[in-house]
Amino acid sequence: MSEAATIKGRKAKRGWTGWHTLAALVAFFGVIFTVNGIMTYMALSTFSGIETQNAYQTGRDYNERLEAAAAQQALGWQVSFDETFTATPDGADATVAVQVLDANGVPLTGLAGDLTFWRPVVRGEDMVAPLTETAPGIYSAQALLPARGHWEMRLLLERDTAAPYYLEKRIWAGGRDSDG
């Protein structure tokens, strides 16, 4: 056998070379970086992460919020919700009755306030529904929500010059789709 045939035989046996390894590593990390880039773009373009425009000042006011919550709890008000959500083609029709009693179980009358329906996952769909006193200590509100799903219902009640009463409740509005 000649020397040329021996060299060709060695080359034929060498299937995986350094160039193959380099190409595999570049392809592997190229896919990783591409997927990371796409995911980062999607995360940053869909939600800015900023819920409060003045987050620094809100953080500084935290102790005042804790004091207000303690004062609110000291009132001893008993607040209960009776909510009905009906699915509509465009979202959900919300009807909410709020019963407000003082610490002794006596209905509180003459309150002013509203319910804010806030969507945690979509900016700009907040709905504010004014409360109307329909019976002593019972306040009602209606709203047409633009979408079904998870919502935060925020109650704000005010009475004379006293500090406002604030309460949040997470709700599921409009039922579930029958196909999934």
C-alpha atoms as a PDB file:
ATOM      1  CA  MET A   1       0.000   0.000   0.000  1.00  0.00           C
ATOM      2  CA  SER A   2       1.345   3.385  -0.870  1.00  0.00           C
ATOM      3  CA  GLU A   3       1.858   6.272   1.520  1.00  0.00           C
ATOM      4  CA  ALA A   4      -0.873   8.352  -0.218  1.00  0.00           C
ATOM      5  CA  ALA A   5      -3.430   5.591   0.320  1.00  0.00           C
ATOM      6  CA  THR A   6      -2.538   5.427   4.017  1.00  0.00           C
ATOM      7  CA  ILE A   7      -3.061   9.204   4.455  1.00  0.00           C
ATOM      8  CA  LYS A   8      -6.461   9.030   2.666  1.00  0.00           C
ATOM      9  CA  GLY A   9      -7.473   6.175   4.961  1.00  0.00           C
ATOM     10  CA  ARG A  10      -6.674   8.207   8.065  1.00  0.00           C
ATOM     11  CA  LYS A  11      -8.733  11.148   6.794  1.00  0.00           C
ATOM     12  CA  ALA A  12     -11.651   8.867   6.072  1.00  0.00           C
ATOM     13  CA  LYS A  13     -11.616   7.585   9.671  1.00  0.00           C
ATOM     14  CA  ARG A  14     -11.558  11.133  11.150  1.00  0.00           C
ATOM     15  CA  GLY A  15     -15.315  12.008  11.079  1.00  0.00           C
ATOM     16  CA  TRP A  16     -15.480  14.555  13.921  1.00  0.00           C
ATOM     17  CA  THR A  17     -12.964  17.357  13.791  1.00  0.00           C
ATOM     18  CA  GLY A  18     -12.271  20.500  15.774  1.00  0.00           C
ATOM     19  CA  TRP A  19     -14.287  22.483  13.257  1.00  0.00           C
ATOM     20  CA  HIS A  20     -17.314  20.288  13.945  1.00  0.00           C
ATOM     21  CA  THR A  21     -16.945  20.908  17.685  1.00  0.00           C
ATOM     22  CA  LEU A  22     -16.638  24.659  17.157  1.00  0.00           C
ATOM     23  CA  ALA A  23     -19.719  24.701  14.904  1.00  0.00           C
ATOM     24  CA  ALA A  24     -21.742  22.681  17.449  1.00  0.00           C
ATOM     25  CA  LEU A  25     -20.781  25.041  20.302  1.00  0.00           C
ATOM     26  CA  VAL A  26     -21.546  28.161  18.271  1.00  0.00           C
ATOM     27  CA  ALA A  27     -24.919  26.703  17.210  1.00  0.00           C
ATOM     28  CA  PHE A  28     -25.793  25.650  20.770  1.00  0.00           C
ATOM     29  CA  PHE A  29     -24.993  29.010  22.346  1.00  0.00           C
ATOM     30  CA  GLY A  30     -26.506  30.850  19.385  1.00  0.00           C
ATOM     31  CA  VAL A  31     -29.848  29.145  20.054  1.00  0.00           C
ATOM     32  CA  ILE A  32     -29.588  29.933  23.791  1.00  0.00           C
ATOM     33  CA  PHE A  33     -28.810  33.624  23.194  1.00  0.00           C
ATOM     34  CA  THR A  34     -31.554  33.928  20.558  1.00  0.00           C
ATOM     35  CA  VAL A  35     -34.218  32.422  22.836  1.00  0.00           C
ATOM     36  CA  ASN A  36     -33.064  34.576  25.776  1.00  0.00           C
ATOM     37  CA  GLY A  37     -33.209  37.676  23.586  1.00  0.00           C
ATOM     38  CA  ILE A  38     -36.734  36.883  22.387  1.00  0.00           C
ATOM     39  CA  MET A  39     -37.961  36.176  25.921  1.00  0.00           C
ATOM     40  CA  THR A  40     -36.369  39.359  27.283  1.00  0.00           C
ATOM     41  CA  TYR A  41     -37.934  41.444  24.513  1.00  0.00           C
ATOM     42  CA  MET A  42     -41.368  39.910  25.117  1.00  0.00           C
ATOM     43  CA  ALA A  43     -41.140  40.459  28.884  1.00  0.00           C
ATOM     44  CA  LEU A  44     -40.083  44.088  28.622  1.00  0.00           C
ATOM     45  CA  SER A  45     -42.436  45.054  25.804  1.00  0.00           C
ATOM     46  CA  THR A  46     -45.625  43.647  27.341  1.00  0.00           C
ATOM     47  CA  PHE A  47     -45.425  45.094  30.867  1.00  0.00           C
ATOM     48  CA  SER A  48     -43.140  47.785  32.168  1.00  0.00           C
ATOM     49  CA  GLY A  49     -43.353  46.513  35.726  1.00  0.00           C
ATOM     50  CA  ILE A  50     -44.216  49.974  37.024  1.00  0.00           C
ATOM     51  CA  GLU A  51     -47.551  50.094  38.792  1.00  0.00           C
ATOM     52  CA  THR A  52     -46.871  53.217  40.798  1.00  0.00           C
ATOM     53  CA  GLN A  53     -45.357  56.198  39.055  1.00  0.00           C
ATOM     54  CA  ASN A  54     -43.890  57.569  42.281  1.00  0.00           C
ATOM     55  CA  ALA A  55     -42.669  54.337  43.878  1.00  0.00           C
ATOM     56  CA  TYR A  56     -39.973  56.058  45.926  1.00  0.00           C
ATOM     57  CA  GLN A  57     -42.421  58.368  47.681  1.00  0.00           C
ATOM     58  CA  THR A  58     -44.890  55.526  48.170  1.00  0.00           C
ATOM     59  CA  GLY A  59     -42.159  53.547  49.890  1.00  0.00           C
ATOM     60  CA  ARG A  60     -41.366  56.465  52.151  1.00  0.00           C
ATOM     61  CA  ASP A  61     -45.057  56.755  53.095  1.00  0.00           C
ATOM     62  CA  TYR A  62     -45.225  53.099  54.138  1.00  0.00           C
ATOM     63  CA  ASN A  63     -45.311  53.795  57.901  1.00  0.00           C
ATOM     64  CA  GLU A  64     -48.194  56.222  57.408  1.00  0.00           C
ATOM     65  CA  ARG A  65     -50.065  53.512  55.524  1.00  0.00           C
ATOM     66  CA  LEU A  66     -49.484  51.079  58.384  1.00  0.00           C
ATOM     67  CA  GLU A  67     -50.834  53.636  60.871  1.00  0.00           C
ATOM     68  CA  ALA A  68     -53.909  54.225  58.700  1.00  0.00           C
ATOM     69  CA  ALA A  69     -54.507  50.467  58.494  1.00  0.00           C
ATOM     70  CA  ALA A  70     -54.276  50.162  62.291  1.00  0.00           C
ATOM     71  CA  ALA A  71     -56.726  53.061  62.745  1.00  0.00           C
ATOM     72  CA  GLN A  72     -59.085  51.441  60.233  1.00  0.00           C
ATOM     73  CA  GLN A  73     -58.927  48.125  62.072  1.00  0.00           C
ATOM     74  CA  ALA A  74     -59.611  49.910  65.376  1.00  0.00           C
ATOM     75  CA  LEU A  75     -62.938  51.148  63.958  1.00  0.00           C
ATOM     76  CA  GLY A  76     -64.148  47.538  64.015  1.00  0.00           C
ATOM     77  CA  TRP A  77     -66.302  47.938  60.923  1.00  0.00           C
ATOM     78  CA  GLN A  78     -67.714  44.720  59.513  1.00  0.00           C
ATOM     79  CA  VAL A  79     -67.755  44.818  55.721  1.00  0.00           C
ATOM     80  CA  SER A  80     -69.156  42.038  53.564  1.00  0.00           C
ATOM     81  CA  PHE A  81     -69.599  41.725  49.817  1.00  0.00           C
ATOM     82  CA  ASP A  82     -72.349  40.073  47.799  1.00  0.00           C
ATOM     83  CA  GLU A  83     -71.193  40.068  44.204  1.00  0.00           C
ATOM     84  CA  THR A  84     -72.700  38.635  41.031  1.00  0.00           C
ATOM     85  CA  PHE A  85     -70.761  38.396  37.784  1.00  0.00           C
ATOM     86  CA  THR A  86     -72.503  37.472  34.551  1.00  0.00           C
ATOM     87  CA  ALA A  87     -70.478  36.623  31.457  1.00  0.00           C
ATOM     88  CA  THR A  88     -71.114  38.820  28.431  1.00  0.00           C
ATOM     89  CA  PRO A  89     -69.618  38.535  24.927  1.00  0.00           C
ATOM     90  CA  ASP A  90     -67.233  41.411  25.708  1.00  0.00           C
ATOM     91  CA  GLY A  91     -66.429  40.689  29.366  1.00  0.00           C
ATOM     92  CA  ALA A  92     -68.578  40.532  32.485  1.00  0.00           C
ATOM     93  CA  ASP A  93     -71.457  42.438  34.042  1.00  0.00           C
ATOM     94  CA  ALA A  94     -70.696  43.044  37.725  1.00  0.00           C
ATOM     95  CA  THR A  95     -73.308  43.776  40.373  1.00  0.00           C
ATOM     96  CA  VAL A  96     -71.958  44.249  43.897  1.00  0.00           C
ATOM     97  CA  ALA A  97     -73.718  44.940  47.184  1.00  0.00           C
ATOM     98  CA  VAL A  98     -71.583  45.974  50.148  1.00  0.00           C
ATOM     99  CA  GLN A  99     -72.941  45.716  53.684  1.00  0.00           C
ATOM    100  CA  VAL A 100     -71.231  47.965  56.229  1.00  0.00           C
ATOM    101  CA  LEU A 101     -71.813  47.577  59.966  1.00  0.00           C
ATOM    102  CA  ASP A 102     -70.091  49.302  62.877  1.00  0.00           C
ATOM    103  CA  ALA A 103     -68.370  47.449  65.720  1.00  0.00           C
ATOM    104  CA  ASN A 104     -71.744  46.882  67.431  1.00  0.00           C
ATOM    105  CA  GLY A 105     -73.426  45.476  64.321  1.00  0.00           C
ATOM    106  CA  VAL A 106     -75.411  48.645  63.589  1.00  0.00           C
ATOM    107  CA  PRO A 107     -75.678  49.569  59.863  1.00  0.00           C
ATOM    108  CA  LEU A 108     -73.571  52.582  58.897  1.00  0.00           C
ATOM    109  CA  THR A 109     -75.501  55.101  56.831  1.00  0.00           C
ATOM    110  CA  GLY A 110     -74.518  58.243  54.977  1.00  0.00           C
ATOM    111  CA  LEU A 111     -71.252  56.914  53.571  1.00  0.00           C
ATOM    112  CA  ALA A 112     -69.912  57.981  50.180  1.00  0.00           C
ATOM    113  CA  GLY A 113     -67.566  55.902  48.112  1.00  0.00           C
ATOM    114  CA  ASP A 114     -66.885  53.778  45.113  1.00  0.00           C
ATOM    115  CA  LEU A 115     -65.628  50.424  43.933  1.00  0.00           C
ATOM    116  CA  THR A 116     -62.660  50.293  41.621  1.00  0.00           C
ATOM    117  CA  PHE A 117     -62.204  47.186  39.516  1.00  0.00           C
ATOM    118  CA  TRP A 118     -58.497  46.892  38.757  1.00  0.00           C
ATOM    119  CA  ARG A 119     -57.061  44.285  36.386  1.00  0.00           C
ATOM    120  CA  PRO A 120     -53.625  43.132  37.617  1.00  0.00           C
ATOM    121  CA  VAL A 121     -52.540  41.769  34.241  1.00  0.00           C
ATOM    122  CA  VAL A 122     -53.619  44.561  31.882  1.00  0.00           C
ATOM    123  CA  ARG A 123     -52.952  48.264  32.249  1.00  0.00           C
ATOM    124  CA  GLY A 124     -55.733  50.712  31.387  1.00  0.00           C
ATOM    125  CA  GLU A 125     -58.835  48.578  32.028  1.00  0.00           C
ATOM    126  CA  ASP A 126     -59.675  50.009  35.457  1.00  0.00           C
ATOM    127  CA  MET A 127     -63.365  50.623  36.036  1.00  0.00           C
ATOM    128  CA  VAL A 128     -64.747  52.877  38.777  1.00  0.00           C
ATOM    129  CA  ALA A 129     -68.322  52.303  39.946  1.00  0.00           C
ATOM    130  CA  PRO A 130     -69.916  54.756  42.392  1.00  0.00           C
ATOM    131  CA  LEU A 131     -71.691  53.246  45.389  1.00  0.00           C
ATOM    132  CA  THR A 132     -75.330  54.100  46.053  1.00  0.00           C
ATOM    133  CA  GLU A 133     -77.001  53.465  49.404  1.00  0.00           C
ATOM    134  CA  THR A 134     -79.962  51.183  48.660  1.00  0.00           C
ATOM    135  CA  ALA A 135     -80.876  50.351  52.282  1.00  0.00           C
ATOM    136  CA  PRO A 136     -79.450  51.288  55.672  1.00  0.00           C
ATOM    137  CA  GLY A 137     -75.841  50.087  55.635  1.00  0.00           C
ATOM    138  CA  ILE A 138     -76.113  48.500  52.170  1.00  0.00           C
ATOM    139  CA  TYR A 139     -74.381  50.118  49.211  1.00  0.00           C
ATOM    140  CA  SER A 140     -74.654  48.884  45.606  1.00  0.00           C
ATOM    141  CA  ALA A 141     -72.650  49.385  42.434  1.00  0.00           C
ATOM    142  CA  GLN A 142     -72.740  48.082  38.882  1.00  0.00           C
ATOM    143  CA  ALA A 143     -70.019  47.947  36.243  1.00  0.00           C
ATOM    144  CA  LEU A 144     -69.485  46.419  32.837  1.00  0.00           C
ATOM    145  CA  LEU A 145     -66.009  44.901  32.955  1.00  0.00           C
ATOM    146  CA  PRO A 146     -64.173  44.761  29.603  1.00  0.00           C
ATOM    147  CA  ALA A 147     -62.836  41.229  30.184  1.00  0.00           C
ATOM    148  CA  ARG A 148     -63.494  38.106  32.210  1.00  0.00           C
ATOM    149  CA  GLY A 149     -60.896  36.784  34.601  1.00  0.00           C
ATOM    150  CA  HIS A 150     -59.004  37.897  37.700  1.00  0.00           C
ATOM    151  CA  TRP A 151     -59.701  41.375  39.041  1.00  0.00           C
ATOM    152  CA  GLU A 152     -58.975  43.303  42.221  1.00  0.00           C
ATOM    153  CA  MET A 153     -62.031  44.974  43.694  1.00  0.00           C
ATOM    154  CA  ARG A 154     -61.029  48.020  45.746  1.00  0.00           C
ATOM    155  CA  LEU A 155     -63.564  49.544  48.106  1.00  0.00           C
ATOM    156  CA  LEU A 156     -63.178  53.150  49.246  1.00  0.00           C
ATOM    157  CA  LEU A 157     -65.672  54.558  51.769  1.00  0.00           C
ATOM    158  CA  GLU A 158     -65.624  58.085  53.170  1.00  0.00           C
ATOM    159  CA  ARG A 159     -67.547  59.577  56.055  1.00  0.00           C
ATOM    160  CA  ASP A 160     -67.430  63.252  56.995  1.00  0.00           C
ATOM    161  CA  THR A 161     -63.865  64.261  57.850  1.00  0.00           C
ATOM    162  CA  ALA A 162     -62.752  60.815  59.071  1.00  0.00           C
ATOM    163  CA  ALA A 163     -60.003  58.932  57.286  1.00  0.00           C
ATOM    164  CA  PRO A 164     -61.291  56.876  54.350  1.00  0.00           C
ATOM    165  CA  TYR A 165     -61.988  53.169  54.773  1.00  0.00           C
ATOM    166  CA  TYR A 166     -60.113  51.053  52.227  1.00  0.00           C
ATOM    167  CA  LEU A 167     -60.486  47.349  51.461  1.00  0.00           C
ATOM    168  CA  GLU A 168     -59.323  45.082  48.628  1.00  0.00           C
ATOM    169  CA  LYS A 169     -60.710  41.763  47.483  1.00  0.00           C
ATOM    170  CA  ARG A 170     -59.488  39.516  44.669  1.00  0.00           C
ATOM    171  CA  ILE A 171     -62.315  38.239  42.473  1.00  0.00           C
ATOM    172  CA  TRP A 172     -62.932  36.089  39.417  1.00  0.00           C
ATOM    173  CA  ALA A 173     -65.389  37.826  37.108  1.00  0.00           C
ATOM    174  CA  GLY A 174     -67.570  36.303  34.417  1.00  0.00           C
ATOM    175  CA  GLY A 175     -67.234  32.575  34.858  1.00  0.00           C
ATOM    176  CA  ARG A 176     -65.093  30.250  32.821  1.00  0.00           C
ATOM    177  CA  ASP A 177     -65.256  29.509  29.107  1.00  0.00           C
ATOM    178  CA  SER A 178     -67.115  26.279  28.344  1.00  0.00           C
ATOM    179  CA  ASP A 179     -64.498  25.146  25.795  1.00  0.00           C
ATOM    180  CA  GLY A 180     -61.510  25.189  28.071  1.00  0.00           C
END
